Amino acid sequence: MKRTILTMLAAAALTLSAGASMAAEKVTFLFPAPDFLPAFAPYQLALHKGYFKEAGLDVSFRVGKGGADVATQVAVGNADLGGGVGDTPIIVRSNDVKIRGVALLGGHGIAQLAWREDSGITGPSDLKGKEIGILSFQQTTYYNLLGLLAAEGLTKQDVSIQALGPGGVVQMMIAGKVQAIAAAPEIIAAVEQAGVKIGQVPVDSVFPAMAQAILASDDTIAKRPEMVRAFVGAILHAVRDIEADPAAAAKEFVAAVPRHAGKEAEIEAILTAYATKLYPTENGLALGAFNPERIASVQKFYVDSGIVQSAVPVEDLYTNSFVQ
């Protein structure tokens, strides 16, 4: 009898475990660039530390070809959610790509402009005639660069912009085959580690570019709001972890992404930069929230500069309803 009861209890436990596993909602998230970049530490930490699992989600990652490509894939349902920057909906929505930002990972733009000190460049106003490296023409950083050029009275015809990929942009900058790059902080850090002396400024010091954003389609927002809320909550939890202790977050990130083994100090420096320079919010906004006035300002700049052909209602570009 005792053995029978124990067997029944064990079977019940297995059934409950199987039920819990089946209850986890599957979610596919599409990155705009390689998923091992420290820029995506909040996502890797949320997975590694079990935040997705705690939220009832079974998340898998895939990699796209830049923010604009991610937005298109999310809009047509090839991925449930995706990554871009706060600017991405501005760029694609007027082309009937029905996505919007559901969380903004900080108050400051991720894109940085860096230049070789031996290039004669001293700031954005000196870019005319220079060769500038970017990861891809589908990345929103490319549009951020166009915005920066426009702010300086320049167009893409005044420079030579080359899409080189993550490895290529570092190698070409080190070799001096491009004089400047527009990229995330870790890309620039890789150039500095090679001993190249550089100058740099955040793109949003010249043009009001925005931080990384989580993107969702109108259809997903309408049909799966609890999934979106749970995903956003898990990511913001991980962002707060990085803000609270970048050193501990760096160790956990390396554990989650072993290809960075032995680079803990480098990762810590990068995550410290994110925690102190990019994640802090503006105007007292809650972490994750969008500022509609900033969105309107960015959209106006893109339209006035001819980068985007037409404006759309600001309320169609974002929602703060998933931010706790």
C-alpha atoms as a PDB file:
ATOM      1  CA  MET A   1       0.000   0.000   0.000  1.00  0.00           C
ATOM      2  CA  LYS A   2       2.776   2.421   0.991  1.00  0.00           C
ATOM      3  CA  ARG A   3       4.609   1.739  -2.266  1.00  0.00           C
ATOM      4  CA  THR A   4       1.376   2.264  -4.215  1.00  0.00           C
ATOM      5  CA  ILE A   5       0.764   5.629  -2.540  1.00  0.00           C
ATOM      6  CA  LEU A   6       4.362   6.709  -3.197  1.00  0.00           C
ATOM      7  CA  THR A   7       4.027   5.654  -6.825  1.00  0.00           C
ATOM      8  CA  MET A   8       0.812   7.646  -7.177  1.00  0.00           C
ATOM      9  CA  LEU A   9       2.410  10.708  -5.591  1.00  0.00           C
ATOM     10  CA  ALA A  10       5.406  10.448  -7.892  1.00  0.00           C
ATOM     11  CA  ALA A  11       3.118  10.140 -10.908  1.00  0.00           C
ATOM     12  CA  ALA A  12       1.119  13.146  -9.737  1.00  0.00           C
ATOM     13  CA  ALA A  13       4.313  15.173  -9.336  1.00  0.00           C
ATOM     14  CA  LEU A  14       5.404  14.266 -12.850  1.00  0.00           C
ATOM     15  CA  THR A  15       1.995  15.231 -14.190  1.00  0.00           C
ATOM     16  CA  LEU A  16       2.137  18.596 -12.435  1.00  0.00           C
ATOM     17  CA  SER A  17       5.658  19.164 -13.710  1.00  0.00           C
ATOM     18  CA  ALA A  18       4.612  18.297 -17.251  1.00  0.00           C
ATOM     19  CA  GLY A  19       1.601  20.582 -16.932  1.00  0.00           C
ATOM     20  CA  ALA A  20       3.766  23.461 -15.731  1.00  0.00           C
ATOM     21  CA  SER A  21       6.126  22.909 -18.646  1.00  0.00           C
ATOM     22  CA  MET A  22       3.236  22.801 -21.114  1.00  0.00           C
ATOM     23  CA  ALA A  23       1.842  25.976 -19.606  1.00  0.00           C
ATOM     24  CA  ALA A  24       4.966  27.975 -20.517  1.00  0.00           C
ATOM     25  CA  GLU A  25       4.079  30.199 -23.453  1.00  0.00           C
ATOM     26  CA  LYS A  26       6.502  29.934 -26.348  1.00  0.00           C
ATOM     27  CA  VAL A  27       7.972  33.221 -27.531  1.00  0.00           C
ATOM     28  CA  THR A  28      10.437  33.863 -30.354  1.00  0.00           C
ATOM     29  CA  PHE A  29      12.526  37.015 -30.013  1.00  0.00           C
ATOM     30  CA  LEU A  30      14.509  38.390 -32.964  1.00  0.00           C
ATOM     31  CA  PHE A  31      17.725  40.346 -32.328  1.00  0.00           C
ATOM     32  CA  PRO A  32      18.831  43.075 -34.758  1.00  0.00           C
ATOM     33  CA  ALA A  33      22.518  42.042 -34.452  1.00  0.00           C
ATOM     34  CA  PRO A  34      24.501  39.055 -33.096  1.00  0.00           C
ATOM     35  CA  ASP A  35      22.975  37.950 -29.805  1.00  0.00           C
ATOM     36  CA  PHE A  36      26.338  37.645 -28.046  1.00  0.00           C
ATOM     37  CA  LEU A  37      26.905  41.420 -27.998  1.00  0.00           C
ATOM     38  CA  PRO A  38      26.921  42.953 -24.482  1.00  0.00           C
ATOM     39  CA  ALA A  39      24.233  45.371 -25.669  1.00  0.00           C
ATOM     40  CA  PHE A  40      21.870  42.424 -25.344  1.00  0.00           C
ATOM     41  CA  ALA A  41      22.931  41.501 -21.819  1.00  0.00           C
ATOM     42  CA  PRO A  42      19.427  42.120 -20.373  1.00  0.00           C
ATOM     43  CA  TYR A  43      17.993  39.428 -22.659  1.00  0.00           C
ATOM     44  CA  GLN A  44      20.720  36.891 -21.953  1.00  0.00           C
ATOM     45  CA  LEU A  45      20.498  37.542 -18.208  1.00  0.00           C
ATOM     46  CA  ALA A  46      16.699  37.226 -18.219  1.00  0.00           C
ATOM     47  CA  LEU A  47      17.099  33.811 -19.838  1.00  0.00           C
ATOM     48  CA  HIS A  48      20.098  32.703 -17.743  1.00  0.00           C
ATOM     49  CA  LYS A  49      18.637  33.819 -14.409  1.00  0.00           C
ATOM     50  CA  GLY A  50      15.236  32.282 -15.066  1.00  0.00           C
ATOM     51  CA  TYR A  51      13.231  35.516 -15.280  1.00  0.00           C
ATOM     52  CA  PHE A  52      11.436  34.353 -18.426  1.00  0.00           C
ATOM     53  CA  LYS A  53      10.648  31.010 -16.841  1.00  0.00           C
ATOM     54  CA  GLU A  54       9.311  32.708 -13.704  1.00  0.00           C
ATOM     55  CA  ALA A  55       7.065  34.789 -15.956  1.00  0.00           C
ATOM     56  CA  GLY A  56       5.659  31.656 -17.613  1.00  0.00           C
ATOM     57  CA  LEU A  57       7.538  32.094 -20.882  1.00  0.00           C
ATOM     58  CA  ASP A  58       9.616  29.694 -22.967  1.00  0.00           C
ATOM     59  CA  VAL A  59      11.778  32.143 -24.936  1.00  0.00           C
ATOM     60  CA  SER A  60      13.990  31.306 -27.908  1.00  0.00           C
ATOM     61  CA  PHE A  61      16.319  33.751 -29.646  1.00  0.00           C
ATOM     62  CA  ARG A  62      17.004  34.306 -33.324  1.00  0.00           C
ATOM     63  CA  VAL A  63      19.117  36.916 -35.121  1.00  0.00           C
ATOM     64  CA  GLY A  64      17.888  39.273 -37.832  1.00  0.00           C
ATOM     65  CA  LYS A  65      19.615  41.759 -40.107  1.00  0.00           C
ATOM     66  CA  GLY A  66      19.125  45.060 -38.333  1.00  0.00           C
ATOM     67  CA  GLY A  67      16.270  46.909 -36.680  1.00  0.00           C
ATOM     68  CA  ALA A  68      14.349  47.629 -39.879  1.00  0.00           C
ATOM     69  CA  ASP A  69      14.502  43.958 -40.909  1.00  0.00           C
ATOM     70  CA  VAL A  70      13.452  42.868 -37.407  1.00  0.00           C
ATOM     71  CA  ALA A  71      10.482  45.239 -37.523  1.00  0.00           C
ATOM     72  CA  THR A  72       9.320  43.750 -40.817  1.00  0.00           C
ATOM     73  CA  GLN A  73       9.702  40.164 -39.576  1.00  0.00           C
ATOM     74  CA  VAL A  74       7.786  40.945 -36.374  1.00  0.00           C
ATOM     75  CA  ALA A  75       5.054  42.752 -38.298  1.00  0.00           C
ATOM     76  CA  VAL A  76       4.368  39.753 -40.550  1.00  0.00           C
ATOM     77  CA  GLY A  77       4.481  37.266 -37.682  1.00  0.00           C
ATOM     78  CA  ASN A  78       7.825  35.560 -38.344  1.00  0.00           C
ATOM     79  CA  ALA A  79       8.822  36.438 -34.760  1.00  0.00           C
ATOM     80  CA  ASP A  80       6.695  37.290 -31.751  1.00  0.00           C
ATOM     81  CA  LEU A  81       8.849  40.182 -30.526  1.00  0.00           C
ATOM     82  CA  GLY A  82      12.023  41.864 -31.680  1.00  0.00           C
ATOM     83  CA  GLY A  83      14.713  44.358 -30.836  1.00  0.00           C
ATOM     84  CA  GLY A  84      15.480  47.709 -32.382  1.00  0.00           C
ATOM     85  CA  VAL A  85      15.722  51.215 -31.008  1.00  0.00           C
ATOM     86  CA  GLY A  86      13.053  53.722 -30.125  1.00  0.00           C
ATOM     87  CA  ASP A  87      13.466  55.283 -33.564  1.00  0.00           C
ATOM     88  CA  THR A  88      12.692  52.078 -35.466  1.00  0.00           C
ATOM     89  CA  PRO A  89       8.877  52.437 -35.575  1.00  0.00           C
ATOM     90  CA  ILE A  90       9.304  55.974 -36.945  1.00  0.00           C
ATOM     91  CA  ILE A  91      11.346  54.618 -39.831  1.00  0.00           C
ATOM     92  CA  VAL A  92       9.085  51.696 -40.783  1.00  0.00           C
ATOM     93  CA  ARG A  93       5.548  52.619 -39.713  1.00  0.00           C
ATOM     94  CA  SER A  94       4.976  55.049 -42.580  1.00  0.00           C
ATOM     95  CA  ASN A  95       5.608  52.068 -44.915  1.00  0.00           C
ATOM     96  CA  ASP A  96       2.660  50.241 -43.315  1.00  0.00           C
ATOM     97  CA  VAL A  97       4.895  48.066 -41.113  1.00  0.00           C
ATOM     98  CA  LYS A  98       2.555  47.940 -38.136  1.00  0.00           C
ATOM     99  CA  ILE A  99       4.872  47.632 -35.158  1.00  0.00           C
ATOM    100  CA  ARG A 100       5.453  49.850 -32.151  1.00  0.00           C
ATOM    101  CA  GLY A 101       7.795  50.065 -29.197  1.00  0.00           C
ATOM    102  CA  VAL A 102       6.561  48.390 -26.010  1.00  0.00           C
ATOM    103  CA  ALA A 103       9.559  49.188 -23.781  1.00  0.00           C
ATOM    104  CA  LEU A 104      12.561  51.506 -24.018  1.00  0.00           C
ATOM    105  CA  LEU A 105      15.750  50.325 -22.323  1.00  0.00           C
ATOM    106  CA  GLY A 106      16.917  53.644 -20.956  1.00  0.00           C
ATOM    107  CA  GLY A 107      16.798  57.341 -21.560  1.00  0.00           C
ATOM    108  CA  HIS A 108      19.806  57.750 -23.838  1.00  0.00           C
ATOM    109  CA  GLY A 109      20.574  56.642 -27.389  1.00  0.00           C
ATOM    110  CA  ILE A 110      22.664  53.520 -27.882  1.00  0.00           C
ATOM    111  CA  ALA A 111      24.395  54.819 -31.023  1.00  0.00           C
ATOM    112  CA  GLN A 112      27.812  56.405 -30.540  1.00  0.00           C
ATOM    113  CA  LEU A 113      29.985  58.193 -33.100  1.00  0.00           C
ATOM    114  CA  ALA A 114      33.693  57.438 -32.793  1.00  0.00           C
ATOM    115  CA  TRP A 115      36.605  58.608 -34.918  1.00  0.00           C
ATOM    116  CA  ARG A 116      40.339  57.985 -35.129  1.00  0.00           C
ATOM    117  CA  GLU A 117      42.280  60.856 -33.591  1.00  0.00           C
ATOM    118  CA  ASP A 118      44.790  60.647 -36.460  1.00  0.00           C
ATOM    119  CA  SER A 119      42.019  61.242 -39.022  1.00  0.00           C
ATOM    120  CA  GLY A 120      41.779  65.008 -38.579  1.00  0.00           C
ATOM    121  CA  ILE A 121      38.250  64.656 -37.226  1.00  0.00           C
ATOM    122  CA  THR A 122      37.556  66.536 -34.015  1.00  0.00           C
ATOM    123  CA  GLY A 123      33.782  66.148 -33.970  1.00  0.00           C
ATOM    124  CA  PRO A 124      30.691  65.493 -36.103  1.00  0.00           C
ATOM    125  CA  SER A 125      31.167  68.721 -38.064  1.00  0.00           C
ATOM    126  CA  ASP A 126      34.390  67.302 -39.576  1.00  0.00           C
ATOM    127  CA  LEU A 127      32.846  64.229 -41.199  1.00  0.00           C
ATOM    128  CA  LYS A 128      32.549  65.630 -44.734  1.00  0.00           C
ATOM    129  CA  GLY A 129      34.537  63.525 -47.178  1.00  0.00           C
ATOM    130  CA  LYS A 130      35.293  60.840 -44.588  1.00  0.00           C
ATOM    131  CA  GLU A 131      34.660  57.086 -44.702  1.00  0.00           C
ATOM    132  CA  ILE A 132      32.296  55.930 -41.958  1.00  0.00           C
ATOM    133  CA  GLY A 133      31.676  52.322 -40.969  1.00  0.00           C
ATOM    134  CA  ILE A 134      28.357  50.902 -39.763  1.00  0.00           C
ATOM    135  CA  LEU A 135      27.110  47.365 -39.144  1.00  0.00           C
ATOM    136  CA  SER A 136      24.409  47.358 -41.837  1.00  0.00           C
ATOM    137  CA  PHE A 137      22.071  49.585 -43.807  1.00  0.00           C
ATOM    138  CA  GLN A 138      19.110  47.815 -42.167  1.00  0.00           C
ATOM    139  CA  GLN A 139      20.184  48.858 -38.670  1.00  0.00           C
ATOM    140  CA  THR A 140      18.505  51.872 -37.119  1.00  0.00           C
ATOM    141  CA  THR A 141      21.996  53.129 -36.220  1.00  0.00           C
ATOM    142  CA  TYR A 142      22.371  53.911 -39.924  1.00  0.00           C
ATOM    143  CA  TYR A 143      19.347  56.206 -39.744  1.00  0.00           C
ATOM    144  CA  ASN A 144      20.714  57.711 -36.530  1.00  0.00           C
ATOM    145  CA  LEU A 145      23.896  58.503 -38.463  1.00  0.00           C
ATOM    146  CA  LEU A 146      21.863  60.160 -41.230  1.00  0.00           C
ATOM    147  CA  GLY A 147      20.121  62.225 -38.563  1.00  0.00           C
ATOM    148  CA  LEU A 148      23.456  63.273 -37.084  1.00  0.00           C
ATOM    149  CA  LEU A 149      24.752  64.246 -40.530  1.00  0.00           C
ATOM    150  CA  ALA A 150      21.596  66.254 -41.214  1.00  0.00           C
ATOM    151  CA  ALA A 151      22.050  68.079 -37.901  1.00  0.00           C
ATOM    152  CA  GLU A 152      25.469  69.160 -39.185  1.00  0.00           C
ATOM    153  CA  GLY A 153      24.083  70.233 -42.576  1.00  0.00           C
ATOM    154  CA  LEU A 154      25.441  67.146 -44.339  1.00  0.00           C
ATOM    155  CA  THR A 155      23.861  64.298 -46.323  1.00  0.00           C
ATOM    156  CA  LYS A 156      24.977  60.751 -47.061  1.00  0.00           C
ATOM    157  CA  GLN A 157      26.358  62.040 -50.357  1.00  0.00           C
ATOM    158  CA  ASP A 158      28.878  64.132 -48.405  1.00  0.00           C
ATOM    159  CA  VAL A 159      30.478  61.031 -46.838  1.00  0.00           C
ATOM    160  CA  SER A 160      31.198  57.415 -47.738  1.00  0.00           C
ATOM    161  CA  ILE A 161      29.137  55.072 -45.544  1.00  0.00           C
ATOM    162  CA  GLN A 162      30.181  51.405 -45.571  1.00  0.00           C
ATOM    163  CA  ALA A 163      28.174  48.511 -44.107  1.00  0.00           C
ATOM    164  CA  LEU A 164      30.811  46.167 -42.687  1.00  0.00           C
ATOM    165  CA  GLY A 165      29.199  43.898 -40.098  1.00  0.00           C
ATOM    166  CA  PRO A 166      30.278  43.685 -36.428  1.00  0.00           C
ATOM    167  CA  GLY A 167      33.712  42.187 -37.067  1.00  0.00           C
ATOM    168  CA  GLY A 168      34.427  44.172 -40.204  1.00  0.00           C
ATOM    169  CA  VAL A 169      33.606  47.533 -38.681  1.00  0.00           C
ATOM    170  CA  VAL A 170      36.129  46.906 -35.895  1.00  0.00           C
ATOM    171  CA  GLN A 171      38.841  45.597 -38.207  1.00  0.00           C
ATOM    172  CA  MET A 172      38.461  48.397 -40.764  1.00  0.00           C
ATOM    173  CA  MET A 173      38.580  51.051 -38.051  1.00  0.00           C
ATOM    174  CA  ILE A 174      41.699  49.509 -36.523  1.00  0.00           C
ATOM    175  CA  ALA A 175      43.339  49.344 -39.950  1.00  0.00           C
ATOM    176  CA  GLY A 176      42.423  52.974 -40.678  1.00  0.00           C
ATOM    177  CA  LYS A 177      40.385  52.034 -43.740  1.00  0.00           C
ATOM    178  CA  VAL A 178      37.455  53.929 -42.260  1.00  0.00           C
ATOM    179  CA  GLN A 179      38.041  57.058 -40.220  1.00  0.00           C
ATOM    180  CA  ALA A 180      34.864  56.929 -38.139  1.00  0.00           C
ATOM    181  CA  ILE A 181      32.171  54.491 -37.064  1.00  0.00           C
ATOM    182  CA  ALA A 182      28.626  54.725 -35.731  1.00  0.00           C
ATOM    183  CA  ALA A 183      27.984  51.807 -33.409  1.00  0.00           C
ATOM    184  CA  ALA A 184      27.120  50.567 -29.929  1.00  0.00           C
ATOM    185  CA  PRO A 185      29.596  51.132 -27.059  1.00  0.00           C
ATOM    186  CA  GLU A 186      31.058  47.608 -27.121  1.00  0.00           C
ATOM    187  CA  ILE A 187      32.028  47.914 -30.795  1.00  0.00           C
ATOM    188  CA  ILE A 188      33.928  51.096 -30.016  1.00  0.00           C
ATOM    189  CA  ALA A 189      35.512  49.484 -26.953  1.00  0.00           C
ATOM    190  CA  ALA A 190      36.893  46.709 -29.169  1.00  0.00           C
ATOM    191  CA  VAL A 191      38.677  49.327 -31.301  1.00  0.00           C
ATOM    192  CA  GLU A 192      40.112  51.015 -28.231  1.00  0.00           C
ATOM    193  CA  GLN A 193      41.406  47.704 -26.892  1.00  0.00           C
ATOM    194  CA  ALA A 194      43.520  47.391 -30.039  1.00  0.00           C
ATOM    195  CA  GLY A 195      45.359  50.550 -28.988  1.00  0.00           C
ATOM    196  CA  VAL A 196      43.700  52.937 -31.437  1.00  0.00           C
ATOM    197  CA  LYS A 197      43.278  56.429 -29.995  1.00  0.00           C
ATOM    198  CA  ILE A 198      39.787  57.655 -30.664  1.00  0.00           C
ATOM    199  CA  GLY A 199      37.437  60.492 -29.915  1.00  0.00           C
ATOM    200  CA  GLN A 200      33.739  59.886 -29.510  1.00  0.00           C
ATOM    201  CA  VAL A 201      30.381  61.460 -28.734  1.00  0.00           C
ATOM    202  CA  PRO A 202      26.926  59.974 -28.183  1.00  0.00           C
ATOM    203  CA  VAL A 203      24.814  60.476 -31.284  1.00  0.00           C
ATOM    204  CA  ASP A 204      22.051  61.849 -29.062  1.00  0.00           C
ATOM    205  CA  SER A 205      24.305  64.771 -28.097  1.00  0.00           C
ATOM    206  CA  VAL A 206      23.688  66.056 -31.634  1.00  0.00           C
ATOM    207  CA  PHE A 207      20.538  64.242 -32.777  1.00  0.00           C
ATOM    208  CA  PRO A 208      17.841  62.980 -30.333  1.00  0.00           C
ATOM    209  CA  ALA A 209      18.293  59.272 -31.109  1.00  0.00           C
ATOM    210  CA  MET A 210      16.774  56.842 -28.631  1.00  0.00           C
ATOM    211  CA  ALA A 211      17.762  53.758 -26.646  1.00  0.00           C
ATOM    212  CA  GLN A 212      17.187  50.097 -27.459  1.00  0.00           C
ATOM    213  CA  ALA A 213      13.545  49.143 -27.636  1.00  0.00           C
ATOM    214  CA  ILE A 214      11.433  46.002 -27.550  1.00  0.00           C
ATOM    215  CA  LEU A 215       9.161  45.901 -30.604  1.00  0.00           C
ATOM    216  CA  ALA A 216       5.793  44.192 -31.042  1.00  0.00           C
ATOM    217  CA  SER A 217       3.212  44.162 -33.796  1.00  0.00           C
ATOM    218  CA  ASP A 218      -0.225  45.717 -33.343  1.00  0.00           C
ATOM    219  CA  ASP A 219      -1.664  42.228 -33.801  1.00  0.00           C
ATOM    220  CA  THR A 220       0.470  40.684 -31.031  1.00  0.00           C
ATOM    221  CA  ILE A 221      -0.294  43.560 -28.664  1.00  0.00           C
ATOM    222  CA  ALA A 222      -4.024  43.039 -29.234  1.00  0.00           C
ATOM    223  CA  LYS A 223      -4.028  39.231 -29.015  1.00  0.00           C
ATOM    224  CA  ARG A 224      -1.237  38.446 -26.512  1.00  0.00           C
ATOM    225  CA  PRO A 225      -0.949  41.410 -24.128  1.00  0.00           C
ATOM    226  CA  GLU A 226      -0.075  39.282 -21.082  1.00  0.00           C
ATOM    227  CA  MET A 227       2.823  37.681 -22.939  1.00  0.00           C
ATOM    228  CA  VAL A 228       4.150  41.118 -23.907  1.00  0.00           C
ATOM    229  CA  ARG A 229       3.782  42.345 -20.322  1.00  0.00           C
ATOM    230  CA  ALA A 230       5.576  39.298 -18.932  1.00  0.00           C
ATOM    231  CA  PHE A 231       8.449  39.615 -21.431  1.00  0.00           C
ATOM    232  CA  VAL A 232       8.897  43.339 -20.779  1.00  0.00           C
ATOM    233  CA  GLY A 233       8.868  42.738 -17.029  1.00  0.00           C
ATOM    234  CA  ALA A 234      11.602  40.101 -17.282  1.00  0.00           C
ATOM    235  CA  ILE A 235      13.842  42.354 -19.383  1.00  0.00           C
ATOM    236  CA  LEU A 236      13.407  45.384 -17.128  1.00  0.00           C
ATOM    237  CA  HIS A 237      14.225  43.157 -14.128  1.00  0.00           C
ATOM    238  CA  ALA A 238      17.537  42.285 -15.809  1.00  0.00           C
ATOM    239  CA  VAL A 239      18.248  45.942 -16.667  1.00  0.00           C
ATOM    240  CA  ARG A 240      17.819  46.832 -12.995  1.00  0.00           C
ATOM    241  CA  ASP A 241      20.251  44.056 -12.076  1.00  0.00           C
ATOM    242  CA  ILE A 242      22.870  45.577 -14.386  1.00  0.00           C
ATOM    243  CA  GLU A 243      22.278  49.045 -12.964  1.00  0.00           C
ATOM    244  CA  ALA A 244      22.568  47.771  -9.398  1.00  0.00           C
ATOM    245  CA  ASP A 245      25.785  45.755  -9.856  1.00  0.00           C
ATOM    246  CA  PRO A 246      27.524  45.807 -13.261  1.00  0.00           C
ATOM    247  CA  ALA A 247      30.381  43.627 -11.955  1.00  0.00           C
ATOM    248  CA  ALA A 248      28.067  40.821 -10.862  1.00  0.00           C
ATOM    249  CA  ALA A 249      26.043  41.193 -14.063  1.00  0.00           C
ATOM    250  CA  ALA A 250      29.236  40.870 -16.117  1.00  0.00           C
ATOM    251  CA  LYS A 251      30.086  37.536 -14.464  1.00  0.00           C
ATOM    252  CA  GLU A 252      26.559  36.259 -15.030  1.00  0.00           C
ATOM    253  CA  PHE A 253      26.605  37.429 -18.650  1.00  0.00           C
ATOM    254  CA  VAL A 254      29.879  35.575 -19.293  1.00  0.00           C
ATOM    255  CA  ALA A 255      28.345  32.466 -17.716  1.00  0.00           C
ATOM    256  CA  ALA A 256      25.366  32.850 -20.059  1.00  0.00           C
ATOM    257  CA  VAL A 257      27.534  33.588 -23.123  1.00  0.00           C
ATOM    258  CA  PRO A 258      30.730  31.503 -22.683  1.00  0.00           C
ATOM    259  CA  ARG A 259      32.402  32.916 -25.794  1.00  0.00           C
ATOM    260  CA  HIS A 260      33.302  35.906 -23.575  1.00  0.00           C
ATOM    261  CA  ALA A 261      35.146  33.730 -21.029  1.00  0.00           C
ATOM    262  CA  GLY A 262      38.253  35.507 -19.759  1.00  0.00           C
ATOM    263  CA  LYS A 263      36.878  38.927 -20.731  1.00  0.00           C
ATOM    264  CA  GLU A 264      35.039  39.640 -17.480  1.00  0.00           C
ATOM    265  CA  ALA A 265      36.846  42.950 -16.887  1.00  0.00           C
ATOM    266  CA  GLU A 266      36.090  44.114 -20.423  1.00  0.00           C
ATOM    267  CA  ILE A 267      32.420  43.144 -20.111  1.00  0.00           C
ATOM    268  CA  GLU A 268      32.177  44.839 -16.719  1.00  0.00           C
ATOM    269  CA  ALA A 269      33.477  48.113 -18.222  1.00  0.00           C
ATOM    270  CA  ILE A 270      30.933  47.911 -21.037  1.00  0.00           C
ATOM    271  CA  LEU A 271      28.010  47.109 -18.732  1.00  0.00           C
ATOM    272  CA  THR A 272      29.095  49.904 -16.385  1.00  0.00           C
ATOM    273  CA  ALA A 273      28.875  52.304 -19.330  1.00  0.00           C
ATOM    274  CA  TYR A 274      25.362  51.067 -20.099  1.00  0.00           C
ATOM    275  CA  ALA A 275      24.341  51.319 -16.438  1.00  0.00           C
ATOM    276  CA  THR A 276      25.654  54.848 -15.941  1.00  0.00           C
ATOM    277  CA  LYS A 277      25.328  56.471 -19.365  1.00  0.00           C
ATOM    278  CA  LEU A 278      22.539  54.754 -21.328  1.00  0.00           C
ATOM    279  CA  TYR A 279      20.016  53.209 -18.946  1.00  0.00           C
ATOM    280  CA  PRO A 280      19.263  56.246 -16.706  1.00  0.00           C
ATOM    281  CA  THR A 281      15.883  57.648 -17.694  1.00  0.00           C
ATOM    282  CA  GLU A 282      14.983  61.223 -18.562  1.00  0.00           C
ATOM    283  CA  ASN A 283      12.458  63.623 -17.033  1.00  0.00           C
ATOM    284  CA  GLY A 284      11.551  61.275 -14.189  1.00  0.00           C
ATOM    285  CA  LEU A 285      10.103  58.627 -16.528  1.00  0.00           C
ATOM    286  CA  ALA A 286       9.802  55.064 -15.283  1.00  0.00           C
ATOM    287  CA  LEU A 287      12.337  52.597 -16.646  1.00  0.00           C
ATOM    288  CA  GLY A 288      10.953  51.268 -19.921  1.00  0.00           C
ATOM    289  CA  ALA A 289       8.668  54.222 -20.655  1.00  0.00           C
ATOM    290  CA  PHE A 290       8.728  56.299 -23.835  1.00  0.00           C
ATOM    291  CA  ASN A 291       8.603  60.083 -23.862  1.00  0.00           C
ATOM    292  CA  PRO A 292       6.068  61.044 -26.574  1.00  0.00           C
ATOM    293  CA  GLU A 293       7.584  64.517 -26.876  1.00  0.00           C
ATOM    294  CA  ARG A 294      10.965  63.034 -27.729  1.00  0.00           C
ATOM    295  CA  ILE A 295       9.398  60.657 -30.242  1.00  0.00           C
ATOM    296  CA  ALA A 296       7.621  63.588 -31.886  1.00  0.00           C
ATOM    297  CA  SER A 297      10.884  65.534 -32.001  1.00  0.00           C
ATOM    298  CA  VAL A 298      12.796  62.646 -33.589  1.00  0.00           C
ATOM    299  CA  GLN A 299      10.054  62.017 -36.144  1.00  0.00           C
ATOM    300  CA  LYS A 300       9.912  65.690 -37.110  1.00  0.00           C
ATOM    301  CA  PHE A 301      13.673  65.712 -37.616  1.00  0.00           C
ATOM    302  CA  TYR A 302      13.564  62.600 -39.812  1.00  0.00           C
ATOM    303  CA  VAL A 303      10.713  64.006 -41.914  1.00  0.00           C
ATOM    304  CA  ASP A 304      12.210  67.508 -42.209  1.00  0.00           C
ATOM    305  CA  SER A 305      15.524  65.968 -43.265  1.00  0.00           C
ATOM    306  CA  GLY A 306      13.889  63.759 -45.899  1.00  0.00           C
ATOM    307  CA  ILE A 307      15.030  60.559 -44.166  1.00  0.00           C
ATOM    308  CA  VAL A 308      11.399  59.545 -43.636  1.00  0.00           C
ATOM    309  CA  GLN A 309       8.829  60.576 -46.248  1.00  0.00           C
ATOM    310  CA  SER A 310       5.807  61.112 -44.017  1.00  0.00           C
ATOM    311  CA  ALA A 311       4.872  61.350 -40.347  1.00  0.00           C
ATOM    312  CA  VAL A 312       2.417  59.067 -38.552  1.00  0.00           C
ATOM    313  CA  PRO A 313       0.508  59.774 -35.327  1.00  0.00           C
ATOM    314  CA  VAL A 314       2.930  59.594 -32.393  1.00  0.00           C
ATOM    315  CA  GLU A 315       0.526  57.369 -30.445  1.00  0.00           C
ATOM    316  CA  ASP A 316       0.915  54.718 -33.174  1.00  0.00           C
ATOM    317  CA  LEU A 317       4.652  54.468 -32.540  1.00  0.00           C
ATOM    318  CA  TYR A 318       4.750  53.298 -28.923  1.00  0.00           C
ATOM    319  CA  THR A 319       2.793  52.204 -25.892  1.00  0.00           C
ATOM    320  CA  ASN A 320       3.666  52.535 -22.209  1.00  0.00           C
ATOM    321  CA  SER A 321       0.913  50.151 -21.123  1.00  0.00           C
ATOM    322  CA  PHE A 322       3.344  47.264 -20.484  1.00  0.00           C
ATOM    323  CA  VAL A 323       5.731  49.174 -18.253  1.00  0.00           C
ATOM    324  CA  GLN A 324       5.185  48.555 -14.538  1.00  0.00           C
END
